[in-house]
């Protein structure tokens, strides 16, 4: 049962779930004035930066201003920019947030052993909000947690504990500019931490392998053998939802905004990647496609950017059938770049951003400075000397959701015996902006539905182990577990409180 009551001050009600919708912030007002059908409640009322300006033309047309290089000659005047409007934000202002299953509209803090040979298990207790930041803390605390394997759920143990915030099937966006202001955990001297912010297509739930099988990280809309069958050079058994079924080829491609590791003392590196399938046949490399990638800070000694030659957890290693090694695996091509960081990234906050234009490009930024572009030319398909072929992959078109975690794994950056523990990753805010004429928010859209598929495969998306709670909800419901969608207050009203009996 629910009832409404006007309010001016916040209050606490025992044994009830309270939701307060107050007078719209200026950012909420702006979104409603531009797109009346949009849900302004995705914008945190504490947000103040309502717009973001970016050059969103072709790379060459954007050169010549704000530190962008100009290898094709100086540009006359600043490039044409575009104003983007805030459509989602979380300022992490309230310390009373509950990230338990189904409790928060934006995130769930997972209880999960992740899939990357992790040394730490994610536990809800490792995630909190303090001092206006989301805080994810890694500690040397032995713990146990669920592992979502292809064959079923099982209990795992690890000697480290950490945390993950996941926005699966809650807030999704298609295209736009995502940024997060973050202070990294640890220091630039000791390896072992693996902080990450990444997006994934909503058809796959990150860390839940039954949900991602045949889905992650496909971004492919061609009916061919790659969609239907296993190929010699890959471990995929085909694309689960493919164009051969007279439907848009679907998947859960991955965009890594941020992955940071320390492999050598005083030389931390940031990895920015797009992980995609199907995998190119042996002998082909996306770097062969002229104009497909750009490294604007390649010549900057303080923020060097270049191709990722890392041979780690996703390494496409050379052997008899793979005669040109490249970053990736037999499941994904990792179209990646690395960037030099320094000690200040661990003591100060930096803003990490990515601009995603479906079918066109992905661009990565640090403090509004472009560091890497990957565009559709890099995803062109090809045929090798053995007549093995893959068609064009796509810059993602599926709605994506946001994940934030602090992992530890010897497979990424080896864990130093003197790694400083406990240590925390601090997230000041997460924001998403979209062009005024391209506002596209939702996990279950008319063009790319997902809710009916999720409802038909719930066991793939949910942990079922004694003593561990999980949640699979409806992406159209913004609010507490098993409750109806929040009813918007009449536009322009002061404040409305929704009280749900527990």
Protein backbone atom coordinates (compact mmCIF):
# COMPACT_ATOMS: atom_id res chain seq x y z
CA UNK A 1 0.00 0.00 0.00
CA UNK A 2 1.27 3.50 -0.77
CA UNK A 3 0.12 6.96 0.14
CA UNK A 4 1.28 10.44 -0.76
CA UNK A 5 2.10 13.35 1.44
CA UNK A 6 3.65 16.77 0.70
CA UNK A 7 6.91 17.40 2.51
CA UNK A 8 9.45 20.09 3.18
CA UNK A 9 11.90 18.16 5.36
CA UNK A 10 13.25 14.62 5.20
CA UNK A 11 12.14 12.17 7.88
CA UNK A 12 12.45 8.52 8.95
CA UNK A 13 9.63 5.99 9.20
CA UNK A 14 10.32 2.68 10.94
CA UNK A 15 9.20 -0.49 9.10
CA UNK A 16 8.47 1.41 5.92
CA UNK A 17 10.40 2.17 2.76
CA UNK A 18 10.49 5.91 2.11
CA UNK A 19 11.13 7.56 -1.24
CA UNK A 20 11.24 11.33 -1.46
CA UNK A 21 10.88 13.16 -4.77
CA UNK A 22 11.65 16.82 -4.26
CA UNK A 23 11.47 19.89 -6.41
CA UNK A 24 13.35 19.24 -9.59
CA UNK A 25 16.93 20.43 -9.79
CA UNK A 26 17.97 22.74 -12.59
CA UNK A 27 19.45 19.74 -14.44
CA UNK A 28 16.15 17.88 -14.16
CA UNK A 29 14.32 21.00 -15.38
CA UNK A 30 16.63 21.27 -18.38
CA UNK A 31 16.11 17.65 -19.41
CA UNK A 32 12.32 17.97 -19.13
CA UNK A 33 12.33 21.13 -21.23
CA UNK A 34 14.31 19.39 -23.97
CA UNK A 35 12.72 15.94 -23.79
CA UNK A 36 9.39 15.93 -21.91
CA UNK A 37 9.09 12.14 -22.22
CA UNK A 38 12.40 11.54 -20.44
CA UNK A 39 12.57 10.34 -16.84
CA UNK A 40 14.32 13.16 -15.01
CA UNK A 41 14.52 11.06 -11.84
CA UNK A 42 17.66 9.40 -13.20
CA UNK A 43 19.37 12.74 -12.53
CA UNK A 44 20.62 13.21 -8.98
CA UNK A 45 19.08 16.39 -7.55
CA UNK A 46 22.54 17.33 -6.24
CA UNK A 47 24.00 17.48 -9.77
CA UNK A 48 24.95 20.95 -10.96
CA UNK A 49 26.89 20.40 -14.21
CA UNK A 50 23.89 20.03 -16.52
CA UNK A 51 25.65 20.12 -19.89
CA UNK A 52 28.88 18.94 -21.47
CA UNK A 53 30.43 20.25 -24.68
CA UNK A 54 32.30 17.94 -27.03
CA UNK A 55 33.44 17.90 -30.62
CA UNK A 56 31.61 14.90 -32.06
CA UNK A 57 32.62 15.23 -35.71
CA UNK A 58 35.11 12.94 -37.43
CA UNK A 59 38.47 12.80 -35.70
CA UNK A 60 40.31 14.88 -38.30
CA UNK A 61 37.61 17.56 -38.27
CA UNK A 62 37.99 17.91 -34.50
CA UNK A 63 41.76 18.46 -34.52
CA UNK A 64 43.49 21.68 -33.65
CA UNK A 65 41.91 22.88 -30.41
CA UNK A 66 42.20 22.17 -26.69
CA UNK A 67 45.39 20.20 -27.05
CA UNK A 68 44.25 17.93 -29.86
CA UNK A 69 47.09 17.19 -32.29
CA UNK A 70 46.96 18.25 -35.91
CA UNK A 71 48.99 15.76 -37.97
CA UNK A 72 47.19 16.91 -41.13
CA UNK A 73 48.04 20.60 -40.64
CA UNK A 74 46.79 23.34 -38.37
CA UNK A 75 43.07 23.97 -38.25
CA UNK A 76 41.81 27.51 -38.56
CA UNK A 77 39.77 28.25 -35.45
CA UNK A 78 38.21 25.93 -32.91
CA UNK A 79 36.31 22.86 -34.14
CA UNK A 80 32.54 22.79 -34.06
CA UNK A 81 31.32 21.49 -30.73
CA UNK A 82 28.02 20.07 -29.59
CA UNK A 83 26.24 20.61 -26.28
CA UNK A 84 25.17 17.43 -24.54
CA UNK A 85 22.62 17.34 -21.73
CA UNK A 86 22.73 15.37 -18.48
CA UNK A 87 20.43 12.31 -18.52
CA UNK A 88 21.83 10.33 -15.55
CA UNK A 89 23.93 11.10 -12.51
CA UNK A 90 24.86 9.79 -9.10
CA UNK A 91 26.68 12.23 -6.81
CA UNK A 92 26.82 9.75 -3.87
CA UNK A 93 25.74 12.46 -1.44
CA UNK A 94 23.77 10.33 1.03
CA UNK A 95 25.55 7.95 3.39
CA UNK A 96 22.26 6.10 3.97
CA UNK A 97 22.32 4.32 0.60
CA UNK A 98 21.48 0.61 0.68
CA UNK A 99 22.98 -1.22 -2.30
CA UNK A 100 21.47 -4.57 -1.34
CA UNK A 101 19.55 -6.63 -3.92
CA UNK A 102 16.66 -4.55 -5.26
CA UNK A 103 17.11 -1.77 -2.71
CA UNK A 104 18.66 0.98 -4.84
CA UNK A 105 17.34 2.35 -8.11
CA UNK A 106 20.79 2.76 -9.67
CA UNK A 107 23.08 0.02 -8.33
CA UNK A 108 23.42 -3.36 -6.68
CA UNK A 109 26.54 -4.22 -4.67
CA UNK A 110 27.25 -7.83 -5.59
CA UNK A 111 28.10 -10.87 -3.52
CA UNK A 112 30.07 -12.68 -6.21
CA UNK A 113 33.31 -14.39 -7.13
CA UNK A 114 34.08 -12.81 -10.50
CA UNK A 115 35.17 -14.74 -13.57
CA UNK A 116 38.71 -13.44 -14.19
CA UNK A 117 40.64 -15.81 -11.93
CA UNK A 118 40.16 -13.22 -9.20
CA UNK A 119 41.94 -13.37 -5.85
CA UNK A 120 39.22 -11.31 -4.15
CA UNK A 121 35.53 -12.06 -3.74
CA UNK A 122 33.12 -9.16 -4.09
CA UNK A 123 30.98 -8.63 -0.99
CA UNK A 124 28.26 -6.10 -0.37
CA UNK A 125 29.93 -5.10 2.91
CA UNK A 126 32.93 -3.72 0.99
CA UNK A 127 30.85 -0.96 -0.63
CA UNK A 128 29.69 2.15 1.22
CA UNK A 129 29.08 5.88 0.78
CA UNK A 130 31.25 8.22 2.86
CA UNK A 131 32.16 11.87 2.53
CA UNK A 132 30.25 12.31 -0.71
CA UNK A 133 31.97 9.36 -2.41
CA UNK A 134 31.13 5.79 -3.19
CA UNK A 135 33.87 3.80 -1.46
CA UNK A 136 34.93 0.31 -2.58
CA UNK A 137 37.45 -1.19 -0.17
CA UNK A 138 39.78 -4.12 -0.75
CA UNK A 139 41.11 -5.89 2.33
CA UNK A 140 43.03 -8.99 3.29
CA UNK A 141 39.94 -10.64 4.71
CA UNK A 142 39.28 -14.26 3.88
CA UNK A 143 35.72 -14.71 2.72
CA UNK A 144 33.40 -16.87 0.67
CA UNK A 145 30.87 -16.03 -1.97
CA UNK A 146 28.90 -17.36 -4.94
CA UNK A 147 30.51 -18.26 -8.23
CA UNK A 148 28.14 -18.22 -11.20
CA UNK A 149 29.53 -20.97 -13.42
CA UNK A 150 28.12 -22.23 -16.74
CA UNK A 151 27.12 -25.50 -15.05
CA UNK A 152 25.52 -23.88 -11.99
CA UNK A 153 26.20 -21.85 -8.86
CA UNK A 154 28.80 -22.92 -6.33
CA UNK A 155 30.49 -21.50 -3.25
CA UNK A 156 34.02 -20.13 -3.63
CA UNK A 157 36.58 -18.90 -1.10
CA UNK A 158 39.33 -16.29 -1.37
CA UNK A 159 41.78 -14.61 0.98
CA UNK A 160 40.88 -11.09 -0.16
CA UNK A 161 37.57 -9.21 -0.05
CA UNK A 162 36.53 -6.32 -2.28
CA UNK A 163 33.43 -4.90 -3.94
CA UNK A 164 31.49 -4.17 -7.11
CA UNK A 165 28.65 -1.80 -7.98
CA UNK A 166 26.54 -3.02 -10.90
CA UNK A 167 23.77 -1.19 -12.77
CA UNK A 168 22.49 -4.18 -14.74
CA UNK A 169 18.85 -3.92 -15.87
CA UNK A 170 18.46 -0.64 -13.98
CA UNK A 171 19.82 2.32 -15.93
CA UNK A 172 20.95 1.78 -19.53
CA UNK A 173 21.87 4.26 -22.23
CA UNK A 174 22.49 4.05 -25.97
CA UNK A 175 25.23 6.44 -27.01
CA UNK A 176 26.49 9.47 -25.16
CA UNK A 177 29.26 10.66 -22.89
CA UNK A 178 29.96 8.76 -19.68
CA UNK A 179 32.32 10.20 -17.10
CA UNK A 180 33.37 9.28 -13.58
CA UNK A 181 35.53 11.24 -11.15
CA UNK A 182 37.75 8.73 -9.36
CA UNK A 183 40.67 8.42 -6.98
CA UNK A 184 42.48 5.15 -7.57
CA UNK A 185 43.29 2.65 -4.79
CA UNK A 186 46.76 1.88 -3.53
CA UNK A 187 49.80 3.65 -4.96
CA UNK A 188 52.04 3.67 -8.01
CA UNK A 189 54.60 1.37 -6.35
CA UNK A 190 52.77 -1.89 -5.65
CA UNK A 191 50.79 -3.95 -8.12
CA UNK A 192 47.78 -6.12 -7.41
CA UNK A 193 44.75 -3.86 -7.61
CA UNK A 194 42.54 -3.96 -10.70
CA UNK A 195 40.11 -1.01 -10.51
CA UNK A 196 37.69 -0.93 -13.41
CA UNK A 197 34.74 1.00 -14.81
CA UNK A 198 33.08 -0.60 -17.82
CA UNK A 199 29.81 -0.89 -19.69
CA UNK A 200 28.18 -4.05 -20.98
CA UNK A 201 25.17 -4.75 -23.17
CA UNK A 202 22.12 -5.44 -20.99
CA UNK A 203 21.57 -8.96 -22.41
CA UNK A 204 24.60 -10.11 -20.41
CA UNK A 205 25.01 -9.70 -16.66
CA UNK A 206 28.69 -9.18 -15.89
CA UNK A 207 30.07 -12.02 -13.79
CA UNK A 208 27.13 -14.35 -14.47
CA UNK A 209 28.54 -16.74 -17.04
CA UNK A 210 25.30 -18.46 -18.00
CA UNK A 211 23.91 -15.10 -19.07
CA UNK A 212 26.98 -14.12 -21.09
CA UNK A 213 27.53 -17.39 -22.97
CA UNK A 214 27.03 -16.73 -26.69
CA UNK A 215 26.20 -13.11 -25.88
CA UNK A 216 29.43 -11.51 -24.58
CA UNK A 217 30.93 -9.65 -26.35
CA UNK A 218 29.10 -9.99 -29.67
CA UNK A 219 28.39 -6.87 -31.71
CA UNK A 220 27.51 -8.43 -35.05
CA UNK A 221 24.58 -8.22 -37.43
CA UNK A 222 25.47 -10.64 -40.23
CA UNK A 223 24.06 -14.09 -40.93
CA UNK A 224 27.09 -16.30 -41.60
CA UNK A 225 29.04 -19.21 -40.12
CA UNK A 226 30.43 -16.98 -37.35
CA UNK A 227 26.91 -16.34 -36.13
CA UNK A 228 25.79 -19.96 -36.39
CA UNK A 229 28.76 -22.21 -35.66
CA UNK A 230 31.98 -22.59 -33.73
CA UNK A 231 35.06 -21.60 -35.72
CA UNK A 232 38.50 -23.19 -35.42
CA UNK A 233 40.05 -20.00 -34.02
CA UNK A 234 37.42 -19.24 -31.38
CA UNK A 235 35.77 -20.87 -28.38
CA UNK A 236 32.34 -19.40 -29.12
CA UNK A 237 29.66 -21.83 -30.27
CA UNK A 238 28.02 -19.10 -32.30
CA UNK A 239 26.03 -15.98 -31.53
CA UNK A 240 23.00 -16.80 -29.40
CA UNK A 241 20.73 -14.09 -30.87
CA UNK A 242 21.77 -13.65 -34.47
CA UNK A 243 20.63 -12.15 -37.74
CA UNK A 244 19.93 -15.60 -39.19
CA UNK A 245 16.83 -15.71 -36.98
CA UNK A 246 15.37 -12.78 -38.93
CA UNK A 247 16.21 -10.44 -36.09
CA UNK A 248 18.87 -7.86 -35.37
CA UNK A 249 22.07 -9.58 -34.27
CA UNK A 250 22.32 -8.96 -30.53
CA UNK A 251 24.95 -9.26 -27.86
CA UNK A 252 26.69 -7.76 -24.85
CA UNK A 253 29.81 -5.98 -26.12
CA UNK A 254 32.08 -4.44 -23.49
CA UNK A 255 33.53 -0.93 -23.35
CA UNK A 256 36.25 -0.53 -20.72
CA UNK A 257 36.39 3.09 -19.63
CA UNK A 258 39.09 2.34 -17.11
CA UNK A 259 41.30 -0.56 -16.08
CA UNK A 260 44.44 0.33 -14.13
CA UNK A 261 47.40 -1.77 -13.11
CA UNK A 262 50.94 -1.41 -11.75
CA UNK A 263 53.28 -3.88 -13.42
CA UNK A 264 56.47 -1.96 -12.63
CA UNK A 265 57.13 0.35 -9.69
CA UNK A 266 56.41 4.02 -10.51
CA UNK A 267 54.96 3.08 -13.91
CA UNK A 268 51.19 2.64 -13.53
CA UNK A 269 49.17 2.25 -16.71
CA UNK A 270 45.58 2.82 -17.74
CA UNK A 271 44.02 0.43 -20.23
CA UNK A 272 41.05 1.57 -22.36
CA UNK A 273 39.43 -1.12 -24.50
CA UNK A 274 36.55 -2.29 -26.61
CA UNK A 275 36.02 -6.05 -26.35
CA UNK A 276 34.11 -7.51 -29.27
CA UNK A 277 33.21 -10.75 -31.04
CA UNK A 278 33.34 -12.57 -33.35
CA UNK A 279 37.11 -12.77 -33.21
CA UNK A 280 39.10 -11.98 -36.34
CA UNK A 281 40.67 -15.02 -38.04
CA UNK A 282 44.38 -15.72 -37.48
CA UNK A 283 46.66 -13.37 -39.36
CA UNK A 284 44.31 -10.39 -39.35
CA UNK A 285 44.68 -7.36 -37.08
CA UNK A 286 42.45 -4.32 -36.61
CA UNK A 287 45.55 -2.09 -36.62
CA UNK A 288 45.89 -2.90 -40.32
CA UNK A 289 42.75 -0.87 -41.03
CA UNK A 290 44.05 2.63 -41.77
CA UNK A 291 42.26 5.37 -39.87
CA UNK A 292 40.61 2.99 -37.42
CA UNK A 293 42.49 4.07 -34.29
CA UNK A 294 44.12 7.30 -33.08
CA UNK A 295 46.43 7.97 -30.14
CA UNK A 296 46.37 11.78 -29.67
CA UNK A 297 48.82 11.79 -26.75
CA UNK A 298 51.31 9.41 -28.35
CA UNK A 299 54.08 12.03 -28.21
CA UNK A 300 53.23 13.37 -24.74
CA UNK A 301 55.82 12.12 -22.22
CA UNK A 302 53.42 12.73 -19.30
CA UNK A 303 50.43 10.93 -20.82
CA UNK A 304 51.82 8.57 -23.44
CA UNK A 305 49.16 6.60 -25.31
CA UNK A 306 49.74 3.73 -27.67
CA UNK A 307 48.66 0.23 -28.73
CA UNK A 308 48.22 -2.28 -25.94
CA UNK A 309 50.84 -4.98 -26.21
CA UNK A 310 49.93 -6.52 -22.86
CA UNK A 311 49.92 -10.32 -22.84
CA UNK A 312 47.76 -10.91 -19.81
CA UNK A 313 44.43 -12.50 -18.97
CA UNK A 314 42.96 -11.86 -22.43
CA UNK A 315 46.10 -12.51 -24.40
CA UNK A 316 45.68 -13.89 -27.90
CA UNK A 317 48.91 -15.83 -27.74
CA UNK A 318 50.91 -17.01 -30.71
CA UNK A 319 50.84 -20.71 -31.59
CA UNK A 320 50.50 -22.94 -34.63
CA UNK A 321 47.15 -21.49 -35.68
CA UNK A 322 47.56 -17.95 -34.33
CA UNK A 323 50.51 -16.54 -36.18
CA UNK A 324 49.97 -12.86 -35.36
CA UNK A 325 49.50 -12.30 -31.63
CA UNK A 326 47.24 -9.46 -30.55
CA UNK A 327 45.44 -8.45 -27.35
CA UNK A 328 42.33 -10.53 -26.88
CA UNK A 329 41.34 -14.14 -26.42
CA UNK A 330 39.56 -16.94 -28.21
CA UNK A 331 36.35 -15.25 -27.08
CA UNK A 332 37.06 -11.57 -27.72
CA UNK A 333 39.24 -9.15 -29.62
CA UNK A 334 40.44 -6.57 -27.08
CA UNK A 335 40.86 -3.43 -29.17
CA UNK A 336 42.89 -1.69 -26.54
CA UNK A 337 45.27 1.18 -25.82
CA UNK A 338 47.48 1.88 -22.81
CA UNK A 339 48.20 5.25 -21.24
CA UNK A 340 50.93 6.35 -18.85
CA UNK A 341 49.72 7.51 -15.43
CA UNK A 342 51.62 8.85 -12.40
CA UNK A 343 51.49 8.92 -8.60
CA UNK A 344 48.94 11.75 -8.50
CA UNK A 345 46.22 9.48 -9.90
CA UNK A 346 46.34 7.59 -6.59
CA UNK A 347 46.29 10.69 -4.35
CA UNK A 348 43.97 13.01 -6.31
CA UNK A 349 40.71 12.70 -8.21
CA UNK A 350 40.75 12.53 -12.02
CA UNK A 351 37.84 12.56 -14.43
CA UNK A 352 37.75 9.58 -16.80
CA UNK A 353 35.34 9.78 -19.71
CA UNK A 354 34.21 8.02 -22.86
CA UNK A 355 32.13 9.30 -25.76
CA UNK A 356 30.25 6.51 -27.52
CA UNK A 357 28.54 7.13 -30.86
CA UNK A 358 26.78 3.89 -31.97
CA UNK A 359 28.10 2.49 -35.27
CA UNK A 360 30.60 5.38 -35.46
CA UNK A 361 33.27 5.62 -32.75
CA UNK A 362 34.33 5.37 -29.10
CA UNK A 363 36.60 8.07 -27.64
CA UNK A 364 38.31 8.00 -24.26
CA UNK A 365 39.28 11.06 -22.18
CA UNK A 366 41.18 12.00 -19.02
CA UNK A 367 40.22 15.38 -17.53
CA UNK A 368 38.49 16.23 -20.84
CA UNK A 369 41.61 15.51 -22.87
CA UNK A 370 41.20 12.96 -25.64
CA UNK A 371 43.61 10.03 -25.30
CA UNK A 372 42.26 7.35 -27.68
CA UNK A 373 39.78 6.89 -30.50
CA UNK A 374 38.50 3.64 -31.96
CA UNK A 375 36.11 3.95 -34.89
CA UNK A 376 34.12 1.81 -37.30
CA UNK A 377 37.05 1.44 -39.72
CA UNK A 378 38.91 -0.65 -37.12
CA UNK A 379 35.98 -3.07 -37.01
CA UNK A 380 36.03 -3.88 -40.70
CA UNK A 381 36.01 -7.60 -41.36
CA UNK A 382 38.38 -9.52 -43.54
CA UNK A 383 39.55 -12.82 -45.01
CA UNK A 384 42.93 -14.37 -44.26
CA UNK A 385 45.19 -16.50 -46.46
CA UNK A 386 43.33 -19.65 -45.34
CA UNK A 387 40.07 -18.14 -46.63
CA UNK A 388 38.71 -17.74 -43.10
CA UNK A 389 36.37 -14.76 -42.91
CA UNK A 390 34.68 -12.49 -40.39
CA UNK A 391 32.35 -9.68 -41.43
CA UNK A 392 32.22 -6.14 -40.09
CA UNK A 393 31.69 -5.87 -36.34
CA UNK A 394 29.78 -2.88 -34.95
CA UNK A 395 30.56 -0.06 -32.59
CA UNK A 396 27.87 -1.07 -30.03
CA UNK A 397 24.21 -0.46 -30.77
CA UNK A 398 22.74 -2.38 -27.81
CA UNK A 399 21.80 -0.44 -24.65
CA UNK A 400 24.67 -0.53 -22.14
CA UNK A 401 24.76 -0.43 -18.33
CA UNK A 402 27.57 0.64 -15.99
CA UNK A 403 29.80 -1.48 -13.72
CA UNK A 404 32.36 -0.27 -11.17
CA UNK A 405 34.62 -2.68 -9.31
CA UNK A 406 37.89 -3.12 -7.50
CA UNK A 407 39.27 -6.53 -8.38
CA UNK A 408 42.53 -8.26 -7.49
CA UNK A 409 44.07 -10.88 -9.75
CA UNK A 410 47.54 -12.20 -10.43
CA UNK A 411 46.40 -12.69 -14.01
CA UNK A 412 46.17 -8.92 -14.47
CA UNK A 413 48.72 -7.11 -12.30
CA UNK A 414 50.57 -9.54 -9.99
CA UNK A 415 49.79 -8.96 -6.32
CA UNK A 416 52.83 -7.43 -4.62
CA UNK A 417 53.60 -8.90 -1.16
CA UNK A 418 53.64 -5.36 0.28
CA UNK A 419 50.46 -4.15 -1.40
CA UNK A 420 48.85 -1.57 0.94
CA UNK A 421 45.75 -3.12 2.50
CA UNK A 422 43.08 -2.16 3.20
CA UNK A 423 42.81 0.31 0.34
CA UNK A 424 39.85 2.03 -1.28
CA UNK A 425 38.72 3.23 -4.68
CA UNK A 426 36.74 6.48 -4.33
CA UNK A 427 34.08 7.52 -6.85
CA UNK A 428 32.97 11.14 -6.50
CA UNK A 429 30.30 10.91 -9.19
CA UNK A 430 29.09 9.07 -12.28
CA UNK A 431 27.33 11.07 -15.04
CA UNK A 432 25.95 10.39 -18.50
CA UNK A 433 25.27 13.08 -21.10
CA UNK A 434 23.54 12.73 -24.46
CA UNK A 435 23.08 15.01 -27.45
CA UNK A 436 19.84 16.97 -27.34
CA UNK A 437 18.47 15.21 -30.41
CA UNK A 438 19.82 11.76 -29.43
CA UNK A 439 18.38 11.16 -25.96
CA UNK A 440 18.03 7.39 -25.70
CA UNK A 441 17.74 5.91 -22.21
CA UNK A 442 16.38 2.51 -21.20
CA UNK A 443 17.41 -1.14 -20.94
CA UNK A 444 14.33 -2.48 -22.76
CA UNK A 445 13.82 -0.28 -25.80
CA UNK A 446 11.55 -0.87 -28.77
CA UNK A 447 14.56 -1.30 -31.07
CA UNK A 448 16.55 -3.46 -28.65
CA UNK A 449 14.25 -5.20 -26.15
CA UNK A 450 15.69 -7.32 -23.34
CA UNK A 451 13.15 -7.69 -20.51
CA UNK A 452 11.11 -10.52 -22.08
CA UNK A 453 14.32 -12.44 -22.80
CA UNK A 454 15.57 -11.93 -19.23
CA UNK A 455 12.20 -13.01 -17.80
CA UNK A 456 12.41 -16.22 -19.86
CA UNK A 457 15.95 -17.01 -18.60
CA UNK A 458 15.89 -15.76 -15.00
CA UNK A 459 18.10 -18.57 -13.68
CA UNK A 460 20.90 -17.41 -15.99
CA UNK A 461 20.88 -13.98 -14.37
CA UNK A 462 20.49 -14.87 -10.71
CA UNK A 463 22.53 -16.57 -8.00
CA UNK A 464 20.62 -19.31 -6.18
CA UNK A 465 22.67 -20.32 -3.15
CA UNK A 466 21.67 -20.62 0.48
CA UNK A 467 22.50 -17.55 2.58
CA UNK A 468 23.04 -15.34 -0.49
CA UNK A 469 20.35 -13.01 -1.78
CA UNK A 470 20.18 -11.80 -5.38
CA UNK A 471 17.72 -9.84 -7.47
CA UNK A 472 16.37 -9.85 -11.02
CA UNK A 473 13.96 -6.99 -11.52
CA UNK A 474 12.06 -5.20 -14.24
CA UNK A 475 14.04 -2.44 -15.93
CA UNK A 476 10.85 -0.39 -16.19
CA UNK A 477 10.53 -0.32 -12.38
CA UNK A 478 12.58 2.37 -10.68
CA UNK A 479 12.24 1.82 -6.96
CA UNK A 480 12.32 -0.77 -4.17
CA UNK A 481 12.02 -4.51 -4.50
CA UNK A 482 8.68 -5.79 -5.80
CA UNK A 483 7.08 -2.35 -5.73
CA UNK A 484 5.45 -0.45 -8.61
CA UNK A 485 7.30 2.21 -10.61
CA UNK A 486 7.75 5.56 -8.98
CA UNK A 487 4.94 7.90 -9.96
CA UNK A 488 6.36 11.23 -11.02
CA UNK A 489 5.25 14.27 -9.07
CA UNK A 490 3.37 16.81 -11.19
CA UNK A 491 5.99 18.84 -13.01
CA UNK A 492 7.00 21.89 -10.99
CA UNK A 493 5.67 20.71 -7.62
CA UNK A 494 7.75 21.23 -4.51
CA UNK A 495 8.17 17.81 -2.97
CA UNK A 496 6.33 14.51 -2.70
CA UNK A 497 7.11 11.58 -0.42
CA UNK A 498 6.13 8.01 -1.28
CA UNK A 499 5.78 5.71 1.72
CA UNK A 500 5.61 1.96 1.06
CA UNK A 501 4.55 -0.31 3.91
CA UNK A 502 7.01 -3.16 4.40
